Amino acid sequence: MEIAFEEAEAAAKRGEVPVGAVLVDPATGDILGRAGNRTEELADPTAHAEVLAIRQACAARGEPRLPGCDLYVTLEPCALCATAISFARLRRVYFGAYDPKGGAVEHGPRFFGQPTCHHAPDAYGGFDETRAGRLLRDFFRERR
């Protein structure tokens, strides 16, 4: 999770919403992908940290699915990211701050609990939630 926070902090320095993600193969401990948000930089609404980390990991493995892999992310994934996580067949998702407005794991559509969800990973929230929430609040406070 510390690496996900490093990515989130780097994203904030670039002027991006501070969300970071890291994708790990728990069998080896190898980091397969790591990223922070880059939606502004890439002018791409899908350039969320989770999606970018999944893309890196799939490229590294040469496979479209990553069964057995775990994702660590600083904010509860949105619907876009939850869908990508499901399609990638990730084993587990660990996230920091809950997102009542845009989250899709514990809030909103609760994507992994829907009958149309192809694969539901184990999901655990609240990891270093105070730190993750503070990072987001500070970022937005500076912009108001």
C-alpha atoms as a PDB file:
ATOM      1  CA  MET A   1       0.000   0.000   0.000  1.00  0.00           C
ATOM      2  CA  GLU A   2       2.941   2.303   0.606  1.00  0.00           C
ATOM      3  CA  ILE A   3       3.820   2.160  -3.097  1.00  0.00           C
ATOM      4  CA  ALA A   4       0.224   3.066  -3.982  1.00  0.00           C
ATOM      5  CA  PHE A   5       0.572   6.136  -1.744  1.00  0.00           C
ATOM      6  CA  GLU A   6       3.829   7.070  -3.485  1.00  0.00           C
ATOM      7  CA  GLU A   7       1.987   6.936  -6.812  1.00  0.00           C
ATOM      8  CA  ALA A   8      -0.901   9.015  -5.421  1.00  0.00           C
ATOM      9  CA  GLU A   9       1.483  11.671  -4.119  1.00  0.00           C
ATOM     10  CA  ALA A  10       3.272  11.797  -7.487  1.00  0.00           C
ATOM     11  CA  ALA A  11      -0.106  12.199  -9.211  1.00  0.00           C
ATOM     12  CA  ALA A  12      -0.943  15.150  -6.950  1.00  0.00           C
ATOM     13  CA  LYS A  13       2.359  16.817  -7.851  1.00  0.00           C
ATOM     14  CA  ARG A  14       1.380  16.494 -11.524  1.00  0.00           C
ATOM     15  CA  GLY A  15      -1.971  18.152 -10.789  1.00  0.00           C
ATOM     16  CA  GLU A  16      -3.907  14.898 -11.029  1.00  0.00           C
ATOM     17  CA  VAL A  17      -6.446  13.681  -8.476  1.00  0.00           C
ATOM     18  CA  PRO A  18      -4.180  11.836  -6.009  1.00  0.00           C
ATOM     19  CA  VAL A  19      -5.051   8.198  -6.502  1.00  0.00           C
ATOM     20  CA  GLY A  20      -2.366   5.550  -6.775  1.00  0.00           C
ATOM     21  CA  ALA A  21      -2.455   1.830  -7.468  1.00  0.00           C
ATOM     22  CA  VAL A  22      -0.052  -1.083  -7.462  1.00  0.00           C
ATOM     23  CA  LEU A  23      -0.715  -4.571  -8.825  1.00  0.00           C
ATOM     24  CA  VAL A  24       1.160  -7.445  -7.205  1.00  0.00           C
ATOM     25  CA  ASP A  25       1.636 -11.136  -7.827  1.00  0.00           C
ATOM     26  CA  PRO A  26       1.376 -12.412  -4.232  1.00  0.00           C
ATOM     27  CA  ALA A  27       2.967 -15.750  -5.141  1.00  0.00           C
ATOM     28  CA  THR A  28       6.262 -14.029  -5.982  1.00  0.00           C
ATOM     29  CA  GLY A  29       5.857 -10.568  -4.459  1.00  0.00           C
ATOM     30  CA  ASP A  30       6.606  -9.067  -7.877  1.00  0.00           C
ATOM     31  CA  ILE A  31       5.102  -5.705  -8.730  1.00  0.00           C
ATOM     32  CA  LEU A  32       3.495  -6.114 -12.139  1.00  0.00           C
ATOM     33  CA  GLY A  33       2.132  -2.599 -12.507  1.00  0.00           C
ATOM     34  CA  ARG A  34       2.050   0.691 -10.640  1.00  0.00           C
ATOM     35  CA  ALA A  35       0.496   4.002 -11.541  1.00  0.00           C
ATOM     36  CA  GLY A  36      -1.133   7.191 -10.424  1.00  0.00           C
ATOM     37  CA  ASN A  37      -3.983   8.975 -12.149  1.00  0.00           C
ATOM     38  CA  ARG A  38      -3.040  10.533 -15.514  1.00  0.00           C
ATOM     39  CA  THR A  39      -6.415  11.640 -16.889  1.00  0.00           C
ATOM     40  CA  GLU A  40      -5.350  15.271 -17.336  1.00  0.00           C
ATOM     41  CA  GLU A  41      -1.860  14.537 -18.645  1.00  0.00           C
ATOM     42  CA  LEU A  42      -3.064  12.025 -21.221  1.00  0.00           C
ATOM     43  CA  ALA A  43      -6.397  13.765 -21.920  1.00  0.00           C
ATOM     44  CA  ASP A  44      -7.944  10.346 -21.326  1.00  0.00           C
ATOM     45  CA  PRO A  45     -10.934   9.848 -19.023  1.00  0.00           C
ATOM     46  CA  THR A  46      -9.990   6.174 -18.619  1.00  0.00           C
ATOM     47  CA  ALA A  47      -6.449   6.885 -17.382  1.00  0.00           C
ATOM     48  CA  HIS A  48      -7.305   6.037 -13.780  1.00  0.00           C
ATOM     49  CA  ALA A  49      -4.531   4.592 -11.614  1.00  0.00           C
ATOM     50  CA  GLU A  50      -6.174   1.159 -11.431  1.00  0.00           C
ATOM     51  CA  VAL A  51      -6.688   0.892 -15.188  1.00  0.00           C
ATOM     52  CA  LEU A  52      -3.115   1.992 -15.928  1.00  0.00           C
ATOM     53  CA  ALA A  53      -1.681  -0.507 -13.426  1.00  0.00           C
ATOM     54  CA  ILE A  54      -3.808  -3.301 -14.914  1.00  0.00           C
ATOM     55  CA  ARG A  55      -2.644  -2.364 -18.424  1.00  0.00           C
ATOM     56  CA  GLN A  56       1.008  -2.494 -17.325  1.00  0.00           C
ATOM     57  CA  ALA A  57       0.548  -5.846 -15.621  1.00  0.00           C
ATOM     58  CA  CYS A  58      -1.238  -7.371 -18.613  1.00  0.00           C
ATOM     59  CA  ALA A  59       1.511  -6.113 -20.916  1.00  0.00           C
ATOM     60  CA  ALA A  60       4.188  -7.515 -18.600  1.00  0.00           C
ATOM     61  CA  ARG A  61       2.501 -10.901 -18.554  1.00  0.00           C
ATOM     62  CA  GLY A  62       1.321 -10.833 -22.154  1.00  0.00           C
ATOM     63  CA  GLU A  63      -2.132 -11.868 -20.995  1.00  0.00           C
ATOM     64  CA  PRO A  64      -5.523 -10.118 -20.781  1.00  0.00           C
ATOM     65  CA  ARG A  65      -6.345 -11.612 -17.385  1.00  0.00           C
ATOM     66  CA  LEU A  66      -4.438 -11.670 -14.112  1.00  0.00           C
ATOM     67  CA  PRO A  67      -5.929 -14.404 -11.928  1.00  0.00           C
ATOM     68  CA  GLY A  68      -4.315 -14.685  -8.532  1.00  0.00           C
ATOM     69  CA  CYS A  69      -3.064 -11.092  -8.533  1.00  0.00           C
ATOM     70  CA  ASP A  70      -3.887  -8.402  -5.990  1.00  0.00           C
ATOM     71  CA  LEU A  71      -4.501  -4.684  -6.419  1.00  0.00           C
ATOM     72  CA  TYR A  72      -3.739  -2.053  -3.795  1.00  0.00           C
ATOM     73  CA  VAL A  73      -5.339   1.347  -4.409  1.00  0.00           C
ATOM     74  CA  THR A  74      -5.669   4.463  -2.275  1.00  0.00           C
ATOM     75  CA  LEU A  75      -9.349   5.112  -3.058  1.00  0.00           C
ATOM     76  CA  GLU A  76     -12.383   2.877  -3.444  1.00  0.00           C
ATOM     77  CA  PRO A  77     -12.575   1.990  -7.165  1.00  0.00           C
ATOM     78  CA  CYS A  78     -15.211   3.666  -9.328  1.00  0.00           C
ATOM     79  CA  ALA A  79     -17.500   1.774 -11.715  1.00  0.00           C
ATOM     80  CA  LEU A  80     -14.985   1.996 -14.581  1.00  0.00           C
ATOM     81  CA  CYS A  81     -12.188   0.575 -12.461  1.00  0.00           C
ATOM     82  CA  ALA A  82     -14.372  -2.053 -10.795  1.00  0.00           C
ATOM     83  CA  THR A  83     -15.313  -3.320 -14.252  1.00  0.00           C
ATOM     84  CA  ALA A  84     -11.664  -3.463 -15.326  1.00  0.00           C
ATOM     85  CA  ILE A  85     -10.798  -5.284 -12.091  1.00  0.00           C
ATOM     86  CA  SER A  86     -13.539  -7.814 -12.751  1.00  0.00           C
ATOM     87  CA  PHE A  87     -12.532  -8.354 -16.376  1.00  0.00           C
ATOM     88  CA  ALA A  88      -8.881  -8.773 -15.329  1.00  0.00           C
ATOM     89  CA  ARG A  89     -10.014 -11.498 -12.909  1.00  0.00           C
ATOM     90  CA  LEU A  90      -8.011 -10.067  -9.999  1.00  0.00           C
ATOM     91  CA  ARG A  91      -8.001 -12.107  -6.817  1.00  0.00           C
ATOM     92  CA  ARG A  92      -8.213  -9.322  -4.240  1.00  0.00           C
ATOM     93  CA  VAL A  93      -8.590  -5.555  -4.047  1.00  0.00           C
ATOM     94  CA  TYR A  94      -7.371  -3.586  -1.046  1.00  0.00           C
ATOM     95  CA  PHE A  95      -8.303   0.083  -0.930  1.00  0.00           C
ATOM     96  CA  GLY A  96      -7.734   3.036   1.368  1.00  0.00           C
ATOM     97  CA  ALA A  97     -10.449   5.674   1.546  1.00  0.00           C
ATOM     98  CA  TYR A  98     -14.088   4.899   0.947  1.00  0.00           C
ATOM     99  CA  ASP A  99     -15.743   7.011  -1.752  1.00  0.00           C
ATOM    100  CA  PRO A 100     -19.455   7.554  -1.016  1.00  0.00           C
ATOM    101  CA  LYS A 101     -19.887   9.738  -4.111  1.00  0.00           C
ATOM    102  CA  GLY A 102     -17.962   7.873  -6.815  1.00  0.00           C
ATOM    103  CA  GLY A 103     -17.098   4.483  -5.361  1.00  0.00           C
ATOM    104  CA  ALA A 104     -18.580   1.324  -6.845  1.00  0.00           C
ATOM    105  CA  VAL A 105     -17.404  -1.372  -4.443  1.00  0.00           C
ATOM    106  CA  GLU A 106     -19.058  -0.463  -1.128  1.00  0.00           C
ATOM    107  CA  HIS A 107     -21.060   2.467  -2.519  1.00  0.00           C
ATOM    108  CA  GLY A 108     -23.130   3.328  -5.571  1.00  0.00           C
ATOM    109  CA  PRO A 109     -23.686   0.321  -7.816  1.00  0.00           C
ATOM    110  CA  ARG A 110     -21.699  -2.097  -5.605  1.00  0.00           C
ATOM    111  CA  PHE A 111     -20.488  -3.602  -8.836  1.00  0.00           C
ATOM    112  CA  PHE A 112     -19.019  -6.831  -7.476  1.00  0.00           C
ATOM    113  CA  GLY A 113     -22.348  -7.795  -5.926  1.00  0.00           C
ATOM    114  CA  GLN A 114     -24.346  -7.444  -9.145  1.00  0.00           C
ATOM    115  CA  PRO A 115     -25.578 -10.572 -10.945  1.00  0.00           C
ATOM    116  CA  THR A 116     -24.089  -9.210 -14.190  1.00  0.00           C
ATOM    117  CA  CYS A 117     -20.583  -9.065 -12.691  1.00  0.00           C
ATOM    118  CA  HIS A 118     -18.444 -11.714 -14.421  1.00  0.00           C
ATOM    119  CA  HIS A 119     -15.910 -12.057 -11.612  1.00  0.00           C
ATOM    120  CA  ALA A 120     -16.001 -10.641  -8.094  1.00  0.00           C
ATOM    121  CA  PRO A 121     -12.668 -10.350  -6.301  1.00  0.00           C
ATOM    122  CA  ASP A 122     -12.420 -10.274  -2.548  1.00  0.00           C
ATOM    123  CA  ALA A 123     -12.482  -6.573  -1.622  1.00  0.00           C
ATOM    124  CA  TYR A 124     -11.247  -4.970   1.574  1.00  0.00           C
ATOM    125  CA  GLY A 125     -11.475  -1.273   2.354  1.00  0.00           C
ATOM    126  CA  GLY A 126     -10.256   1.192   4.933  1.00  0.00           C
ATOM    127  CA  PHE A 127      -6.502   0.538   4.716  1.00  0.00           C
ATOM    128  CA  ASP A 128      -4.778   3.677   5.999  1.00  0.00           C
ATOM    129  CA  GLU A 129      -8.090   5.400   5.334  1.00  0.00           C
ATOM    130  CA  THR A 130      -7.174   8.521   7.322  1.00  0.00           C
ATOM    131  CA  ARG A 131      -4.034   9.108   5.280  1.00  0.00           C
ATOM    132  CA  ALA A 132      -5.812   8.464   1.987  1.00  0.00           C
ATOM    133  CA  GLY A 133      -8.685  10.777   2.880  1.00  0.00           C
ATOM    134  CA  ARG A 134      -6.327  13.532   4.022  1.00  0.00           C
ATOM    135  CA  LEU A 135      -4.384  13.344   0.753  1.00  0.00           C
ATOM    136  CA  LEU A 136      -7.594  13.851  -1.233  1.00  0.00           C
ATOM    137  CA  ARG A 137      -8.993  16.598   1.031  1.00  0.00           C
ATOM    138  CA  ASP A 138      -5.707  18.538   0.943  1.00  0.00           C
ATOM    139  CA  PHE A 139      -5.542  18.264  -2.847  1.00  0.00           C
ATOM    140  CA  PHE A 140      -9.044  19.636  -3.354  1.00  0.00           C
ATOM    141  CA  ARG A 141      -8.715  22.280  -0.625  1.00  0.00           C
ATOM    142  CA  GLU A 142      -5.720  23.759  -2.480  1.00  0.00           C
ATOM    143  CA  ARG A 143      -7.788  24.064  -5.648  1.00  0.00           C
ATOM    144  CA  ARG A 144     -10.780  25.866  -4.140  1.00  0.00           C
END
